[in-house]
Protein backbone atom coordinates (compact mmCIF):
# COMPACT_ATOMS: atom_id res chain seq x y z
CA MET A 1 37.44 48.22 37.93
CA ILE A 2 40.12 50.71 38.44
CA VAL A 3 43.47 51.45 36.91
CA VAL A 4 45.86 52.83 39.46
CA CYS A 5 48.96 54.82 38.86
CA GLU A 6 51.02 57.14 41.14
CA ALA A 7 48.94 60.33 40.51
CA GLY A 8 46.00 59.08 38.52
CA ILE A 9 46.66 61.18 35.51
CA SER A 10 48.93 59.16 33.17
CA THR A 11 46.44 56.52 32.85
CA SER A 12 43.52 58.51 31.56
CA LEU A 13 44.33 57.62 27.73
CA LEU A 14 44.64 54.01 28.71
CA VAL A 15 41.26 54.13 30.71
CA LYS A 16 39.66 55.83 27.56
CA LYS A 17 40.99 53.10 25.33
CA LEU A 18 39.92 50.26 27.64
CA ASN A 19 36.44 51.67 28.08
CA GLU A 20 36.07 51.98 24.20
CA LEU A 21 37.27 48.30 23.93
CA ALA A 22 34.68 47.31 26.50
CA GLN A 23 31.85 49.00 24.43
CA GLU A 24 33.00 47.51 21.24
CA ASN A 25 32.85 44.03 22.81
CA GLU A 26 29.59 44.79 24.51
CA GLU A 27 31.08 44.31 27.91
CA THR A 28 29.15 45.84 30.93
CA PHE A 29 32.03 46.89 33.02
CA ASN A 30 33.31 50.55 33.41
CA ILE A 31 36.73 51.21 34.09
CA HIS A 32 38.01 54.34 36.23
CA SER A 33 41.49 55.82 36.94
CA LYS A 34 42.67 56.43 40.47
CA SER A 35 45.88 57.54 42.21
CA THR A 36 47.50 55.18 44.58
CA GLU A 37 45.88 56.47 47.72
CA GLU A 38 42.51 57.31 46.05
CA GLY A 39 42.51 53.75 44.72
CA LEU A 40 43.24 52.19 48.15
CA ASP A 41 40.33 54.10 49.73
CA TYR A 42 38.06 53.28 46.93
CA VAL A 43 38.59 49.55 46.95
CA LYS A 44 37.90 49.67 50.85
CA LYS A 45 34.60 50.99 50.23
CA GLU A 46 33.51 49.73 46.71
CA PRO A 47 33.45 46.19 45.51
CA VAL A 48 35.46 45.97 42.26
CA ASP A 49 36.18 42.99 39.91
CA ALA A 50 39.66 43.99 39.03
CA VAL A 51 42.35 46.54 40.07
CA LEU A 52 45.05 47.10 37.31
CA LEU A 53 48.41 48.38 38.75
CA VAL A 54 50.69 50.25 36.20
CA PRO A 55 54.40 49.54 36.55
CA GLN A 56 55.30 52.36 38.90
CA ILE A 57 53.24 50.81 41.69
CA HIS A 58 53.51 47.20 41.20
CA HIS A 59 55.19 47.38 44.66
CA LYS A 60 51.64 48.22 46.13
CA GLU A 61 50.19 44.72 44.92
CA LYS A 62 50.10 43.35 48.46
CA GLU A 63 48.41 46.40 49.92
CA TYR A 64 45.66 46.18 47.36
CA LYS A 65 45.18 42.41 47.77
CA GLU A 66 44.69 42.97 51.56
CA VAL A 67 41.83 45.27 51.12
CA THR A 68 39.82 43.95 48.00
CA ASN A 69 38.23 40.69 47.00
CA GLY A 70 38.78 41.67 43.28
CA LYS A 71 41.68 40.52 41.13
CA VAL A 72 44.79 42.59 41.40
CA LEU A 73 46.71 42.50 38.15
CA LYS A 74 50.03 44.19 37.28
CA VAL A 75 50.15 45.71 33.88
CA SER A 76 53.35 44.97 32.20
CA VAL A 77 55.98 47.63 31.43
CA ASN A 78 55.87 46.96 27.73
CA ASP A 79 52.13 47.10 27.55
CA TYR A 80 51.98 50.38 29.64
CA ASN A 81 54.80 51.99 27.69
CA ASN A 82 53.08 51.33 24.43
CA MET A 83 49.64 51.76 25.69
CA ASN A 84 48.73 48.40 24.48
CA ALA A 85 44.98 48.56 25.54
CA TYR A 86 44.33 45.34 23.47
CA SER A 87 46.74 43.27 25.43
CA ILE A 88 45.66 44.76 28.78
CA PHE A 89 42.09 44.25 27.80
CA GLU A 90 42.77 40.50 27.25
CA GLN A 91 44.45 40.17 30.59
CA LEU A 92 41.45 41.81 32.33
CA ASN A 93 38.99 39.71 30.47
CA GLU A 94 41.03 36.34 31.54
CA ALA A 95 41.12 37.42 35.06
CA ILE A 96 37.43 38.19 35.55
């Protein structure tokens, strides 16, 4: 799974929290952060269960859906601004 933002930098804290929640819940998935372009290249080559798009790049949803069989999810503005990893983790679990 990947979390995609404009530059791939601002999501590092979110990804860290999501991976910690995965470990606490004994989930086997691993989440990575990618920039918009890195993310598109990545999902073209690697199978992913889910792509989480942060609010700044919600407009890229169609592009991601065209190149991956994984779920493409949009992180809400509220969850992202508050770094609500619990809510985002729930959304992720419901999708996969």
